[in-house]
Amino acid sequence: MNSIIMISVGLFVILFLFLVGLPVKALKKISKYVLRGIVCVMIVFILNYALASNNFHIPINTVTCAFLSIVGVPGIVALSVIGIYLV
Protein backbone atom coordinates (compact mmCIF):
# COMPACT_ATOMS: atom_id res chain seq x y z
CA MET A 1 0.00 0.00 0.00
CA ASN A 2 2.84 2.40 0.80
CA SER A 3 4.45 1.79 -2.58
CA ILE A 4 1.23 2.74 -4.36
CA ILE A 5 1.12 5.99 -2.40
CA MET A 6 4.79 6.68 -3.19
CA ILE A 7 4.22 6.08 -6.90
CA SER A 8 1.15 8.33 -7.01
CA VAL A 9 2.97 11.10 -5.11
CA GLY A 10 5.91 10.81 -7.50
CA LEU A 11 3.65 11.01 -10.54
CA PHE A 12 1.84 14.01 -9.02
CA VAL A 13 5.15 15.82 -8.44
CA ILE A 14 6.28 15.15 -12.01
CA LEU A 15 2.96 16.38 -13.42
CA PHE A 16 3.04 19.47 -11.21
CA LEU A 17 6.60 20.34 -12.20
CA PHE A 18 5.76 19.77 -15.85
CA LEU A 19 2.80 22.13 -15.63
CA VAL A 20 4.77 24.78 -13.74
CA GLY A 21 7.36 24.83 -16.49
CA LEU A 22 10.44 23.08 -15.18
CA PRO A 23 13.17 23.04 -17.82
CA VAL A 24 13.15 19.94 -20.00
CA LYS A 25 16.70 18.94 -19.05
CA ALA A 26 15.88 18.90 -15.34
CA LEU A 27 12.61 17.06 -16.00
CA LYS A 28 14.47 14.33 -17.89
CA LYS A 29 16.92 13.88 -15.00
CA ILE A 30 14.12 13.74 -12.40
CA SER A 31 12.03 11.34 -14.46
CA LYS A 32 15.06 9.05 -14.90
CA TYR A 33 15.43 8.68 -11.14
CA VAL A 34 11.70 8.26 -10.58
CA LEU A 35 11.43 5.61 -13.29
CA ARG A 36 14.48 3.78 -11.92
CA GLY A 37 12.97 3.88 -8.43
CA ILE A 38 9.63 2.52 -9.63
CA VAL A 39 11.25 -0.35 -11.51
CA CYS A 40 13.51 -1.25 -8.58
CA VAL A 41 10.64 -1.19 -6.09
CA MET A 42 8.66 -3.49 -8.38
CA ILE A 43 11.63 -5.88 -8.54
CA VAL A 44 11.96 -5.83 -4.74
CA PHE A 45 8.24 -6.50 -4.39
CA ILE A 46 8.49 -9.50 -6.74
CA LEU A 47 11.57 -10.80 -4.87
CA ASN A 48 9.78 -10.45 -1.54
CA TYR A 49 6.78 -12.34 -2.88
CA ALA A 50 8.81 -15.08 -4.58
CA LEU A 51 11.18 -15.69 -1.66
CA ALA A 52 8.70 -15.30 1.21
CA SER A 53 8.89 -19.03 2.00
CA ASN A 54 12.64 -18.65 2.68
CA ASN A 55 12.05 -15.79 5.16
CA PHE A 56 13.59 -13.28 2.73
CA HIS A 57 12.26 -9.76 3.06
CA ILE A 58 13.52 -6.34 2.01
CA PRO A 59 11.37 -3.61 3.54
CA ILE A 60 9.86 -1.14 1.09
CA ASN A 61 9.91 2.27 2.75
CA THR A 62 10.99 5.83 1.95
CA VAL A 63 14.67 5.23 2.61
CA THR A 64 14.73 2.07 0.50
CA CYS A 65 12.89 3.79 -2.36
CA ALA A 66 15.28 6.76 -2.30
CA PHE A 67 18.33 4.48 -2.16
CA LEU A 68 17.08 2.33 -5.04
CA SER A 69 16.18 5.31 -7.21
CA ILE A 70 19.72 6.65 -6.87
CA VAL A 71 21.70 3.39 -7.08
CA GLY A 72 19.42 1.22 -9.19
CA VAL A 73 19.63 -2.56 -9.58
CA PRO A 74 23.02 -2.87 -7.83
CA GLY A 75 21.24 -1.45 -4.79
CA ILE A 76 18.88 -4.43 -4.83
CA VAL A 77 21.88 -6.75 -4.78
CA ALA A 78 23.44 -4.76 -1.93
CA LEU A 79 20.24 -4.82 0.12
CA SER A 80 19.88 -8.55 -0.52
CA VAL A 81 23.41 -9.26 0.65
CA ILE A 82 22.90 -7.11 3.73
CA GLY A 83 19.61 -8.86 4.45
CA ILE A 84 21.06 -12.35 4.07
CA TYR A 85 24.40 -12.00 5.81
CA LEU A 86 23.94 -9.27 8.40
CA VAL A 87 20.39 -9.72 9.60
C-alpha atoms as a PDB file:
ATOM      1  CA  MET A   1       0.000   0.000   0.000  1.00  0.00           C
ATOM      2  CA  ASN A   2       2.839   2.404   0.799  1.00  0.00           C
ATOM      3  CA  SER A   3       4.452   1.788  -2.576  1.00  0.00           C
ATOM      4  CA  ILE A   4       1.228   2.738  -4.356  1.00  0.00           C
ATOM      5  CA  ILE A   5       1.116   5.993  -2.399  1.00  0.00           C
ATOM      6  CA  MET A   6       4.788   6.678  -3.189  1.00  0.00           C
ATOM      7  CA  ILE A   7       4.215   6.079  -6.900  1.00  0.00           C
ATOM      8  CA  SER A   8       1.151   8.326  -7.011  1.00  0.00           C
ATOM      9  CA  VAL A   9       2.967  11.100  -5.112  1.00  0.00           C
ATOM     10  CA  GLY A  10       5.911  10.813  -7.502  1.00  0.00           C
ATOM     11  CA  LEU A  11       3.653  11.010 -10.537  1.00  0.00           C
ATOM     12  CA  PHE A  12       1.841  14.012  -9.021  1.00  0.00           C
ATOM     13  CA  VAL A  13       5.152  15.821  -8.438  1.00  0.00           C
ATOM     14  CA  ILE A  14       6.281  15.147 -12.009  1.00  0.00           C
ATOM     15  CA  LEU A  15       2.964  16.380 -13.417  1.00  0.00           C
ATOM     16  CA  PHE A  16       3.042  19.469 -11.206  1.00  0.00           C
ATOM     17  CA  LEU A  17       6.603  20.343 -12.198  1.00  0.00           C
ATOM     18  CA  PHE A  18       5.763  19.775 -15.848  1.00  0.00           C
ATOM     19  CA  LEU A  19       2.797  22.134 -15.632  1.00  0.00           C
ATOM     20  CA  VAL A  20       4.765  24.783 -13.743  1.00  0.00           C
ATOM     21  CA  GLY A  21       7.363  24.829 -16.490  1.00  0.00           C
ATOM     22  CA  LEU A  22      10.444  23.083 -15.181  1.00  0.00           C
ATOM     23  CA  PRO A  23      13.169  23.036 -17.823  1.00  0.00           C
ATOM     24  CA  VAL A  24      13.150  19.940 -20.002  1.00  0.00           C
ATOM     25  CA  LYS A  25      16.698  18.935 -19.053  1.00  0.00           C
ATOM     26  CA  ALA A  26      15.884  18.903 -15.342  1.00  0.00           C
ATOM     27  CA  LEU A  27      12.609  17.059 -15.996  1.00  0.00           C
ATOM     28  CA  LYS A  28      14.474  14.328 -17.886  1.00  0.00           C
ATOM     29  CA  LYS A  29      16.916  13.876 -14.997  1.00  0.00           C
ATOM     30  CA  ILE A  30      14.124  13.735 -12.396  1.00  0.00           C
ATOM     31  CA  SER A  31      12.034  11.342 -14.462  1.00  0.00           C
ATOM     32  CA  LYS A  32      15.057   9.050 -14.903  1.00  0.00           C
ATOM     33  CA  TYR A  33      15.428   8.680 -11.141  1.00  0.00           C
ATOM     34  CA  VAL A  34      11.696   8.264 -10.582  1.00  0.00           C
ATOM     35  CA  LEU A  35      11.427   5.609 -13.287  1.00  0.00           C
ATOM     36  CA  ARG A  36      14.482   3.777 -11.916  1.00  0.00           C
ATOM     37  CA  GLY A  37      12.973   3.877  -8.430  1.00  0.00           C
ATOM     38  CA  ILE A  38       9.629   2.522  -9.627  1.00  0.00           C
ATOM     39  CA  VAL A  39      11.253  -0.350 -11.510  1.00  0.00           C
ATOM     40  CA  CYS A  40      13.511  -1.246  -8.581  1.00  0.00           C
ATOM     41  CA  VAL A  41      10.642  -1.191  -6.085  1.00  0.00           C
ATOM     42  CA  MET A  42       8.655  -3.486  -8.377  1.00  0.00           C
ATOM     43  CA  ILE A  43      11.627  -5.878  -8.541  1.00  0.00           C
ATOM     44  CA  VAL A  44      11.963  -5.834  -4.738  1.00  0.00           C
ATOM     45  CA  PHE A  45       8.235  -6.498  -4.386  1.00  0.00           C
ATOM     46  CA  ILE A  46       8.488  -9.501  -6.740  1.00  0.00           C
ATOM     47  CA  LEU A  47      11.569 -10.798  -4.875  1.00  0.00           C
ATOM     48  CA  ASN A  48       9.785 -10.449  -1.538  1.00  0.00           C
ATOM     49  CA  TYR A  49       6.782 -12.341  -2.883  1.00  0.00           C
ATOM     50  CA  ALA A  50       8.808 -15.081  -4.579  1.00  0.00           C
ATOM     51  CA  LEU A  51      11.178 -15.691  -1.658  1.00  0.00           C
ATOM     52  CA  ALA A  52       8.705 -15.303   1.208  1.00  0.00           C
ATOM     53  CA  SER A  53       8.894 -19.031   1.995  1.00  0.00           C
ATOM     54  CA  ASN A  54      12.645 -18.648   2.677  1.00  0.00           C
ATOM     55  CA  ASN A  55      12.053 -15.786   5.155  1.00  0.00           C
ATOM     56  CA  PHE A  56      13.587 -13.282   2.734  1.00  0.00           C
ATOM     57  CA  HIS A  57      12.260  -9.760   3.059  1.00  0.00           C
ATOM     58  CA  ILE A  58      13.524  -6.337   2.013  1.00  0.00           C
ATOM     59  CA  PRO A  59      11.366  -3.609   3.538  1.00  0.00           C
ATOM     60  CA  ILE A  60       9.861  -1.143   1.091  1.00  0.00           C
ATOM     61  CA  ASN A  61       9.911   2.274   2.749  1.00  0.00           C
ATOM     62  CA  THR A  62      10.990   5.828   1.954  1.00  0.00           C
ATOM     63  CA  VAL A  63      14.672   5.233   2.607  1.00  0.00           C
ATOM     64  CA  THR A  64      14.728   2.073   0.505  1.00  0.00           C
ATOM     65  CA  CYS A  65      12.892   3.791  -2.357  1.00  0.00           C
ATOM     66  CA  ALA A  66      15.278   6.760  -2.301  1.00  0.00           C
ATOM     67  CA  PHE A  67      18.333   4.477  -2.161  1.00  0.00           C
ATOM     68  CA  LEU A  68      17.084   2.330  -5.042  1.00  0.00           C
ATOM     69  CA  SER A  69      16.178   5.308  -7.212  1.00  0.00           C
ATOM     70  CA  ILE A  70      19.723   6.648  -6.870  1.00  0.00           C
ATOM     71  CA  VAL A  71      21.701   3.394  -7.078  1.00  0.00           C
ATOM     72  CA  GLY A  72      19.417   1.215  -9.195  1.00  0.00           C
ATOM     73  CA  VAL A  73      19.627  -2.562  -9.578  1.00  0.00           C
ATOM     74  CA  PRO A  74      23.023  -2.875  -7.827  1.00  0.00           C
ATOM     75  CA  GLY A  75      21.236  -1.454  -4.795  1.00  0.00           C
ATOM     76  CA  ILE A  76      18.884  -4.434  -4.827  1.00  0.00           C
ATOM     77  CA  VAL A  77      21.877  -6.750  -4.776  1.00  0.00           C
ATOM     78  CA  ALA A  78      23.444  -4.763  -1.930  1.00  0.00           C
ATOM     79  CA  LEU A  79      20.241  -4.816   0.121  1.00  0.00           C
ATOM     80  CA  SER A  80      19.875  -8.545  -0.520  1.00  0.00           C
ATOM     81  CA  VAL A  81      23.413  -9.258   0.649  1.00  0.00           C
ATOM     82  CA  ILE A  82      22.903  -7.107   3.733  1.00  0.00           C
ATOM     83  CA  GLY A  83      19.613  -8.856   4.448  1.00  0.00           C
ATOM     84  CA  ILE A  84      21.056 -12.348   4.071  1.00  0.00           C
ATOM     85  CA  TYR A  85      24.399 -12.003   5.808  1.00  0.00           C
ATOM     86  CA  LEU A  86      23.941  -9.270   8.395  1.00  0.00           C
ATOM     87  CA  VAL A  87      20.386  -9.720   9.602  1.00  0.00           C
END
